[in-house]
Amino acid sequence: MTTLLQPVALDAVTRAEVEDYLYHEAELLDAWNLDGWFALFAATLRYVVPCNDTPDGDPARDLVLIDDDELRLRLRVERLNSRKAHREYPHSHTNHQISNVRLDTVEGSGPDAELPVRASSTVWRFRNGRAVSYVGTHYYRLVVQDGQLRIRSKRAVLNMTELRPAGDLAIIL
């Protein structure tokens, strides 16, 4: 995995390096290494999954499926790693597929610089003899923190018109 230990600048990061980083994120989630996945995030973070009918929804004013800051995401990871997450014990088998990775222009400068990234995603969940998929686009804001590439925010926008075929959203997209 490319960790980008000492990048010259965020705008020097290549698409191939970002792809490797996102593939590593997917591998961690599929291996159910949620602590390793959580470590990919910056100290100040946001993980949002908006409702299907409001993909541009703002958690401050709109209903969203998930709106986690650092504390809530850490607690989500702890719960999913325990037996308390009844929907996910034993854990589902997942397959996170990332494609069409696109980098935008770096915004800001210095320690506040962010690299906007978007990627198409399909997440397959296998549980109790059923296979369901979550199809959408992941929007990232990547930063360099402590000499490493980190995720400041991740927004998983589902293209599905309804969650009924999937049943629930008990896994991390």
Foldseek 3Di string as FASTA:
>chain_A
DDFQQADPFPQVDDLVSVVVVVVVLQVCQQVLVLVVNLVQADPWAWEFEADQVCLVDDPVPDDGPDTDTNVRSVVLSVCLVDVNLVVAVVHWRKGKDWAPKDWDGWPDDDQPIWIKIKIWIKMWTHDPNDIDIFTFMKIFTWGQDNSGIHTRYIYTYTNDNDCVVVPDDSGGD
